[in-house]
């Protein structure tokens, strides 16, 4: 299928997965690395956003800086992260 047949959220999710995969490849093996995320979930619905936040908790030893312009992102994030 052509990429234009997918929703903006699905495309964003694909790019997010690709960026995390690349970070995992270039990061030092066995060492945590920081993640700086600039509003990667802007187009996600609430369910997809919650799942993405849950997934990020698997990066237990990494520092995650998540910038968002959406109140719901910070509200949902407060339940997962120490701010």
PDB file of N, CA and C in Angstrom:
ATOM      1  N   UNK A   1       0.825  -1.183   0.000  1.00  0.00           N
ATOM      2  CA  UNK A   1       0.000   0.000   0.000  1.00  0.00           C
ATOM      3  C   UNK A   1       0.871   1.249   0.000  1.00  0.00           C
ATOM      4  N   UNK A   2       0.330   2.283  -0.589  1.00  0.00           N
ATOM      5  CA  UNK A   2       1.033   3.556  -0.588  1.00  0.00           C
ATOM      6  C   UNK A   2       0.863   4.209   0.777  1.00  0.00           C
ATOM      7  N   UNK A   3       1.884   4.922   1.206  1.00  0.00           N
ATOM      8  CA  UNK A   3       1.867   5.516   2.543  1.00  0.00           C
ATOM      9  C   UNK A   3       0.690   6.477   2.731  1.00  0.00           C
ATOM     10  N   UNK A   4       0.209   7.070   1.675  1.00  0.00           N
ATOM     11  CA  UNK A   4      -0.908   8.019   1.782  1.00  0.00           C
ATOM     12  C   UNK A   4      -2.224   7.333   2.158  1.00  0.00           C
ATOM     13  N   UNK A   5      -2.273   6.004   2.089  1.00  0.00           N
ATOM     14  CA  UNK A   5      -3.495   5.293   2.453  1.00  0.00           C
ATOM     15  C   UNK A   5      -3.619   5.081   3.967  1.00  0.00           C
ATOM     16  N   UNK A   6      -2.564   5.435   4.719  1.00  0.00           N
ATOM     17  CA  UNK A   6      -2.580   5.272   6.168  1.00  0.00           C
ATOM     18  C   UNK A   6      -2.864   6.609   6.852  1.00  0.00           C
ATOM     19  N   UNK A   7      -3.362   6.531   8.064  1.00  0.00           N
ATOM     20  CA  UNK A   7      -3.633   7.751   8.824  1.00  0.00           C
ATOM     21  C   UNK A   7      -2.311   8.407   9.231  1.00  0.00           C
ATOM     22  N   UNK A   8      -2.399   9.685   9.570  1.00  0.00           N
ATOM     23  CA  UNK A   8      -1.220  10.403  10.030  1.00  0.00           C
ATOM     24  C   UNK A   8      -0.624   9.765  11.270  1.00  0.00           C
ATOM     25  N   UNK A   9      -1.481   9.271  12.171  1.00  0.00           N
ATOM     26  CA  UNK A   9      -0.999   8.620  13.391  1.00  0.00           C
ATOM     27  C   UNK A   9      -0.244   7.333  13.066  1.00  0.00           C
ATOM     28  N   UNK A  10      -0.739   6.566  12.095  1.00  0.00           N
ATOM     29  CA  UNK A  10      -0.067   5.322  11.714  1.00  0.00           C
ATOM     30  C   UNK A  10       1.300   5.622  11.100  1.00  0.00           C
ATOM     31  N   UNK A  11       1.381   6.665  10.296  1.00  0.00           N
ATOM     32  CA  UNK A  11       2.663   7.058   9.701  1.00  0.00           C
ATOM     33  C   UNK A  11       3.618   7.537  10.785  1.00  0.00           C
ATOM     34  N   UNK A  12       3.115   8.363  11.703  1.00  0.00           N
ATOM     35  CA  UNK A  12       3.949   8.831  12.812  1.00  0.00           C
ATOM     36  C   UNK A  12       4.458   7.666  13.649  1.00  0.00           C
ATOM     37  N   UNK A  13       3.607   6.672  13.878  1.00  0.00           N
ATOM     38  CA  UNK A  13       3.997   5.513  14.677  1.00  0.00           C
ATOM     39  C   UNK A  13       5.110   4.734  13.973  1.00  0.00           C
ATOM     40  N   UNK A  14       5.015   4.612  12.676  1.00  0.00           N
ATOM     41  CA  UNK A  14       6.042   3.915  11.900  1.00  0.00           C
ATOM     42  C   UNK A  14       7.377   4.657  11.991  1.00  0.00           C
ATOM     43  N   UNK A  15       7.346   5.983  11.822  1.00  0.00           N
ATOM     44  CA  UNK A  15       8.574   6.769  11.922  1.00  0.00           C
ATOM     45  C   UNK A  15       9.154   6.720  13.330  1.00  0.00           C
ATOM     46  N   UNK A  16       8.292   6.714  14.344  1.00  0.00           N
ATOM     47  CA  UNK A  16       8.752   6.632  15.725  1.00  0.00           C
ATOM     48  C   UNK A  16       9.483   5.306  15.960  1.00  0.00           C
ATOM     49  N   UNK A  17       8.887   4.212  15.474  1.00  0.00           N
ATOM     50  CA  UNK A  17       9.519   2.897  15.615  1.00  0.00           C
ATOM     51  C   UNK A  17      10.864   2.864  14.889  1.00  0.00           C
ATOM     52  N   UNK A  18      10.929   3.466  13.728  1.00  0.00           N
ATOM     53  CA  UNK A  18      12.172   3.521  12.965  1.00  0.00           C
ATOM     54  C   UNK A  18      13.243   4.309  13.716  1.00  0.00           C
ATOM     55  N   UNK A  19      12.875   5.454  14.282  1.00  0.00           N
ATOM     56  CA  UNK A  19      13.839   6.268  15.031  1.00  0.00           C
ATOM     57  C   UNK A  19      14.359   5.514  16.258  1.00  0.00           C
ATOM     58  N   UNK A  20      13.459   4.821  16.969  1.00  0.00           N
ATOM     59  CA  UNK A  20      13.908   4.044  18.133  1.00  0.00           C
ATOM     60  C   UNK A  20      14.823   2.896  17.713  1.00  0.00           C
ATOM     61  N   UNK A  21      14.520   2.276  16.588  1.00  0.00           N
ATOM     62  CA  UNK A  21      15.368   1.180  16.102  1.00  0.00           C
ATOM     63  C   UNK A  21      16.764   1.695  15.750  1.00  0.00           C
ATOM     64  N   UNK A  22      16.837   2.828  15.091  1.00  0.00           N
ATOM     65  CA  UNK A  22      18.129   3.408  14.727  1.00  0.00           C
ATOM     66  C   UNK A  22      18.911   3.790  15.986  1.00  0.00           C
ATOM     67  N   UNK A  23      18.217   4.395  16.959  1.00  0.00           N
ATOM     68  CA  UNK A  23      18.877   4.755  18.224  1.00  0.00           C
ATOM     69  C   UNK A  23      19.443   3.512  18.901  1.00  0.00           C
ATOM     70  N   UNK A  24      18.685   2.424  18.882  1.00  0.00           N
ATOM     71  CA  UNK A  24      19.156   1.178  19.483  1.00  0.00           C
ATOM     72  C   UNK A  24      20.363   0.597  18.787  1.00  0.00           C
ATOM     73  N   UNK A  25      20.477   0.842  17.500  1.00  0.00           N
ATOM     74  CA  UNK A  25      21.617   0.330  16.732  1.00  0.00           C
ATOM     75  C   UNK A  25      22.875   1.147  16.997  1.00  0.00           C
ATOM     76  N   UNK A  26      22.739   2.466  17.060  1.00  0.00           N
ATOM     77  CA  UNK A  26      23.940   3.306  17.193  1.00  0.00           C
ATOM     78  C   UNK A  26      24.358   3.549  18.642  1.00  0.00           C
ATOM     79  N   UNK A  27      23.491   3.239  19.593  1.00  0.00           N
ATOM     80  CA  UNK A  27      23.823   3.442  21.016  1.00  0.00           C
ATOM     81  C   UNK A  27      24.815   2.380  21.466  1.00  0.00           C
ATOM     82  N   UNK A  28      25.620   2.714  22.466  1.00  0.00           N
ATOM     83  CA  UNK A  28      26.549   1.706  23.013  1.00  0.00           C
ATOM     84  C   UNK A  28      25.769   0.514  23.564  1.00  0.00           C
ATOM     85  N   UNK A  29      26.226  -0.654  23.259  1.00  0.00           N
ATOM     86  CA  UNK A  29      25.541  -1.882  23.686  1.00  0.00           C
ATOM     87  C   UNK A  29      25.522  -2.009  25.204  1.00  0.00           C
ATOM     88  N   UNK A  30      24.357  -2.336  25.740  1.00  0.00           N
ATOM     89  CA  UNK A  30      24.217  -2.574  27.171  1.00  0.00           C
ATOM     90  C   UNK A  30      24.204  -1.333  28.031  1.00  0.00           C
ATOM     91  N   UNK A  31      24.217  -0.161  27.414  1.00  0.00           N
ATOM     92  CA  UNK A  31      24.208   1.083  28.184  1.00  0.00           C
ATOM     93  C   UNK A  31      22.950   1.872  27.876  1.00  0.00           C
ATOM     94  N   UNK A  32      22.349   2.485  28.901  1.00  0.00           N
ATOM     95  CA  UNK A  32      21.178   3.312  28.645  1.00  0.00           C
ATOM     96  C   UNK A  32      21.577   4.558  27.850  1.00  0.00           C
ATOM     97  N   UNK A  33      20.659   5.082  27.099  1.00  0.00           N
ATOM     98  CA  UNK A  33      20.920   6.290  26.337  1.00  0.00           C
ATOM     99  C   UNK A  33      19.705   7.209  26.453  1.00  0.00           C
ATOM    100  N   UNK A  34      19.918   8.504  26.369  1.00  0.00           N
ATOM    101  CA  UNK A  34      18.807   9.431  26.515  1.00  0.00           C
ATOM    102  C   UNK A  34      17.937   9.459  25.261  1.00  0.00           C
ATOM    103  N   UNK A  35      16.668   9.698  25.479  1.00  0.00           N
ATOM    104  CA  UNK A  35      15.729   9.879  24.371  1.00  0.00           C
ATOM    105  C   UNK A  35      15.145  11.279  24.473  1.00  0.00           C
ATOM    106  N   UNK A  36      15.315  12.072  23.450  1.00  0.00           N
ATOM    107  CA  UNK A  36      14.732  13.406  23.384  1.00  0.00           C
ATOM    108  C   UNK A  36      13.633  13.351  22.328  1.00  0.00           C
ATOM    109  N   UNK A  37      12.398  13.468  22.778  1.00  0.00           N
ATOM    110  CA  UNK A  37      11.250  13.298  21.899  1.00  0.00           C
ATOM    111  C   UNK A  37      10.475  14.611  21.813  1.00  0.00           C
ATOM    112  N   UNK A  38      10.343  15.141  20.611  1.00  0.00           N
ATOM    113  CA  UNK A  38       9.645  16.406  20.401  1.00  0.00           C
ATOM    114  C   UNK A  38       8.261  16.140  19.826  1.00  0.00           C
ATOM    115  N   UNK A  39       7.290  16.013  20.693  1.00  0.00           N
ATOM    116  CA  UNK A  39       5.874  15.814  20.357  1.00  0.00           C
ATOM    117  C   UNK A  39       5.644  14.704  19.319  1.00  0.00           C
ATOM    118  N   UNK A  40       6.203  13.506  19.557  1.00  0.00           N
ATOM    119  CA  UNK A  40       6.055  12.438  18.571  1.00  0.00           C
ATOM    120  C   UNK A  40       4.652  11.838  18.520  1.00  0.00           C
ATOM    121  N   UNK A  41       3.824  12.153  19.504  1.00  0.00           N
ATOM    122  CA  UNK A  41       2.504  11.527  19.595  1.00  0.00           C
ATOM    123  C   UNK A  41       1.362  12.506  19.316  1.00  0.00           C
ATOM    124  N   UNK A  42       1.640  13.592  18.641  1.00  0.00           N
ATOM    125  CA  UNK A  42       0.645  14.650  18.424  1.00  0.00           C
ATOM    126  C   UNK A  42      -0.605  14.147  17.707  1.00  0.00           C
ATOM    127  N   UNK A  43      -0.463  13.204  16.807  1.00  0.00           N
ATOM    128  CA  UNK A  43      -1.611  12.729  16.038  1.00  0.00           C
ATOM    129  C   UNK A  43      -2.247  11.461  16.606  1.00  0.00           C
ATOM    130  N   UNK A  44      -1.717  10.964  17.719  1.00  0.00           N
ATOM    131  CA  UNK A  44      -2.235   9.722  18.293  1.00  0.00           C
ATOM    132  C   UNK A  44      -3.573   9.969  18.993  1.00  0.00           C
ATOM    133  N   UNK A  45      -4.453   8.970  18.913  1.00  0.00           N
ATOM    134  CA  UNK A  45      -5.656   9.023  19.746  1.00  0.00           C
ATOM    135  C   UNK A  45      -5.259   8.593  21.155  1.00  0.00           C
ATOM    136  N   UNK A  46      -6.171   8.711  22.102  1.00  0.00           N
ATOM    137  CA  UNK A  46      -5.831   8.431  23.501  1.00  0.00           C
ATOM    138  C   UNK A  46      -5.342   7.003  23.710  1.00  0.00           C
ATOM    139  N   UNK A  47      -5.976   6.048  23.061  1.00  0.00           N
ATOM    140  CA  UNK A  47      -5.578   4.645  23.235  1.00  0.00           C
ATOM    141  C   UNK A  47      -4.155   4.411  22.728  1.00  0.00           C
ATOM    142  N   UNK A  48      -3.852   4.936  21.562  1.00  0.00           N
ATOM    143  CA  UNK A  48      -2.512   4.767  20.990  1.00  0.00           C
ATOM    144  C   UNK A  48      -1.475   5.511  21.837  1.00  0.00           C
ATOM    145  N   UNK A  49      -1.861   6.676  22.357  1.00  0.00           N
ATOM    146  CA  UNK A  49      -0.962   7.453  23.204  1.00  0.00           C
ATOM    147  C   UNK A  49      -0.623   6.696  24.485  1.00  0.00           C
ATOM    148  N   UNK A  50      -1.618   6.110  25.118  1.00  0.00           N
ATOM    149  CA  UNK A  50      -1.390   5.328  26.339  1.00  0.00           C
ATOM    150  C   UNK A  50      -0.461   4.158  26.059  1.00  0.00           C
ATOM    151  N   UNK A  51      -0.680   3.464  24.948  1.00  0.00           N
ATOM    152  CA  UNK A  51       0.189   2.333  24.603  1.00  0.00           C
ATOM    153  C   UNK A  51       1.623   2.781  24.332  1.00  0.00           C
ATOM    154  N   UNK A  52       1.778   3.934  23.695  1.00  0.00           N
ATOM    155  CA  UNK A  52       3.122   4.453  23.430  1.00  0.00           C
ATOM    156  C   UNK A  52       3.821   4.805  24.736  1.00  0.00           C
ATOM    157  N   UNK A  53       3.088   5.431  25.660  1.00  0.00           N
ATOM    158  CA  UNK A  53       3.666   5.774  26.961  1.00  0.00           C
ATOM    159  C   UNK A  53       4.048   4.505  27.734  1.00  0.00           C
ATOM    160  N   UNK A  54       3.194   3.494  27.669  1.00  0.00           N
ATOM    161  CA  UNK A  54       3.510   2.227  28.327  1.00  0.00           C
ATOM    162  C   UNK A  54       4.768   1.611  27.723  1.00  0.00           C
ATOM    163  N   UNK A  55       4.881   1.670  26.411  1.00  0.00           N
ATOM    164  CA  UNK A  55       6.064   1.121  25.741  1.00  0.00           C
ATOM    165  C   UNK A  55       7.332   1.834  26.199  1.00  0.00           C
ATOM    166  N   UNK A  56       7.269   3.142  26.350  1.00  0.00           N
ATOM    167  CA  UNK A  56       8.454   3.889  26.755  1.00  0.00           C
ATOM    168  C   UNK A  56       8.928   3.517  28.154  1.00  0.00           C
ATOM    169  N   UNK A  57       8.062   2.935  28.969  1.00  0.00           N
ATOM    170  CA  UNK A  57       8.497   2.512  30.302  1.00  0.00           C
ATOM    171  C   UNK A  57       9.474   1.340  30.230  1.00  0.00           C
ATOM    172  N   UNK A  58       9.594   0.703  29.065  1.00  0.00           N
ATOM    173  CA  UNK A  58      10.568  -0.373  28.908  1.00  0.00           C
ATOM    174  C   UNK A  58      12.001   0.173  28.857  1.00  0.00           C
ATOM    175  N   UNK A  59      12.135   1.479  28.666  1.00  0.00           N
ATOM    176  CA  UNK A  59      13.447   2.129  28.682  1.00  0.00           C
ATOM    177  C   UNK A  59      13.754   2.583  30.105  1.00  0.00           C
ATOM    178  N   UNK A  60      13.761   1.633  31.030  1.00  0.00           N
ATOM    179  CA  UNK A  60      13.849   1.902  32.470  1.00  0.00           C
ATOM    180  C   UNK A  60      15.062   2.743  32.871  1.00  0.00           C
ATOM    181  N   UNK A  61      16.214   2.455  32.339  1.00  0.00           N
ATOM    182  CA  UNK A  61      17.434   3.137  32.762  1.00  0.00           C
ATOM    183  C   UNK A  61      17.763   4.365  31.922  1.00  0.00           C
ATOM    184  N   UNK A  62      16.976   4.633  30.912  1.00  0.00           N
ATOM    185  CA  UNK A  62      17.248   5.763  30.031  1.00  0.00           C
ATOM    186  C   UNK A  62      16.517   7.008  30.509  1.00  0.00           C
ATOM    187  N   UNK A  63      17.142   8.137  30.284  1.00  0.00           N
ATOM    188  CA  UNK A  63      16.476   9.394  30.560  1.00  0.00           C
ATOM    189  C   UNK A  63      15.623   9.738  29.342  1.00  0.00           C
ATOM    190  N   UNK A  64      14.350  10.045  29.575  1.00  0.00           N
ATOM    191  CA  UNK A  64      13.441  10.385  28.489  1.00  0.00           C
ATOM    192  C   UNK A  64      12.967  11.809  28.697  1.00  0.00           C
ATOM    193  N   UNK A  65      13.218  12.647  27.723  1.00  0.00           N
ATOM    194  CA  UNK A  65      12.716  14.011  27.738  1.00  0.00           C
ATOM    195  C   UNK A  65      11.660  14.086  26.646  1.00  0.00           C
ATOM    196  N   UNK A  66      10.427  14.281  27.067  1.00  0.00           N
ATOM    197  CA  UNK A  66       9.294  14.278  26.146  1.00  0.00           C
ATOM    198  C   UNK A  66       8.664  15.665  26.153  1.00  0.00           C
ATOM    199  N   UNK A  67       8.838  16.400  25.077  1.00  0.00           N
ATOM    200  CA  UNK A  67       8.234  17.726  24.936  1.00  0.00           C
ATOM    201  C   UNK A  67       6.911  17.567  24.201  1.00  0.00           C
ATOM    202  N   UNK A  68       5.883  18.206  24.720  1.00  0.00           N
ATOM    203  CA  UNK A  68       4.585  18.141  24.067  1.00  0.00           C
ATOM    204  C   UNK A  68       3.856  19.464  24.231  1.00  0.00           C
ATOM    205  N   UNK A  69       3.042  19.793  23.272  1.00  0.00           N
ATOM    206  CA  UNK A  69       2.229  21.001  23.343  1.00  0.00           C
ATOM    207  C   UNK A  69       0.792  20.665  23.715  1.00  0.00           C
ATOM    208  N   UNK A  70       0.531  19.403  23.983  1.00  0.00           N
ATOM    209  CA  UNK A  70      -0.830  18.959  24.288  1.00  0.00           C
ATOM    210  C   UNK A  70      -0.962  18.624  25.768  1.00  0.00           C
ATOM    211  N   UNK A  71      -1.987  19.167  26.389  1.00  0.00           N
ATOM    212  CA  UNK A  71      -2.221  18.907  27.804  1.00  0.00           C
ATOM    213  C   UNK A  71      -2.474  17.419  28.057  1.00  0.00           C
ATOM    214  N   UNK A  72      -3.187  16.762  27.156  1.00  0.00           N
ATOM    215  CA  UNK A  72      -3.478  15.339  27.376  1.00  0.00           C
ATOM    216  C   UNK A  72      -2.201  14.512  27.407  1.00  0.00           C
ATOM    217  N   UNK A  73      -1.192  14.920  26.649  1.00  0.00           N
ATOM    218  CA  UNK A  73       0.082  14.213  26.669  1.00  0.00           C
ATOM    219  C   UNK A  73       0.752  14.305  28.021  1.00  0.00           C
ATOM    220  N   UNK A  74       0.731  15.482  28.604  1.00  0.00           N
ATOM    221  CA  UNK A  74       1.342  15.624  29.930  1.00  0.00           C
ATOM    222  C   UNK A  74       0.481  14.972  31.003  1.00  0.00           C
ATOM    223  N   UNK A  75      -0.840  15.034  30.855  1.00  0.00           N
ATOM    224  CA  UNK A  75      -1.731  14.391  31.831  1.00  0.00           C
ATOM    225  C   UNK A  75      -1.528  12.881  31.839  1.00  0.00           C
ATOM    226  N   UNK A  76      -1.513  12.278  30.673  1.00  0.00           N
ATOM    227  CA  UNK A  76      -1.315  10.828  30.573  1.00  0.00           C
ATOM    228  C   UNK A  76       0.110  10.469  30.998  1.00  0.00           C
ATOM    229  N   UNK A  77       1.075  11.276  30.613  1.00  0.00           N
ATOM    230  CA  UNK A  77       2.462  11.019  30.976  1.00  0.00           C
ATOM    231  C   UNK A  77       2.696  11.045  32.468  1.00  0.00           C
ATOM    232  N   UNK A  78       1.961  11.883  33.186  1.00  0.00           N
ATOM    233  CA  UNK A  78       2.122  11.952  34.645  1.00  0.00           C
ATOM    234  C   UNK A  78       1.829  10.628  35.318  1.00  0.00           C
ATOM    235  N   UNK A  79       0.994   9.794  34.719  1.00  0.00           N
ATOM    236  CA  UNK A  79       0.680   8.507  35.334  1.00  0.00           C
ATOM    237  C   UNK A  79       1.773   7.468  35.084  1.00  0.00           C
ATOM    238  N   UNK A  80       2.673   7.748  34.168  1.00  0.00           N
ATOM    239  CA  UNK A  80       3.734   6.788  33.840  1.00  0.00           C
ATOM    240  C   UNK A  80       5.116   7.230  34.312  1.00  0.00           C
ATOM    241  N   UNK A  81       5.350   8.515  34.355  1.00  0.00           N
ATOM    242  CA  UNK A  81       6.696   9.008  34.569  1.00  0.00           C
ATOM    243  C   UNK A  81       6.801   9.900  35.785  1.00  0.00           C
ATOM    244  N   UNK A  82       7.991   9.955  36.307  1.00  0.00           N
ATOM    245  CA  UNK A  82       8.303  10.893  37.366  1.00  0.00           C
ATOM    246  C   UNK A  82       8.749  12.174  36.687  1.00  0.00           C
ATOM    247  N   UNK A  83       8.025  13.223  36.928  1.00  0.00           N
ATOM    248  CA  UNK A  83       8.346  14.495  36.271  1.00  0.00           C
ATOM    249  C   UNK A  83       9.038  15.430  37.225  1.00  0.00           C
TER     250      UNK A  83
END
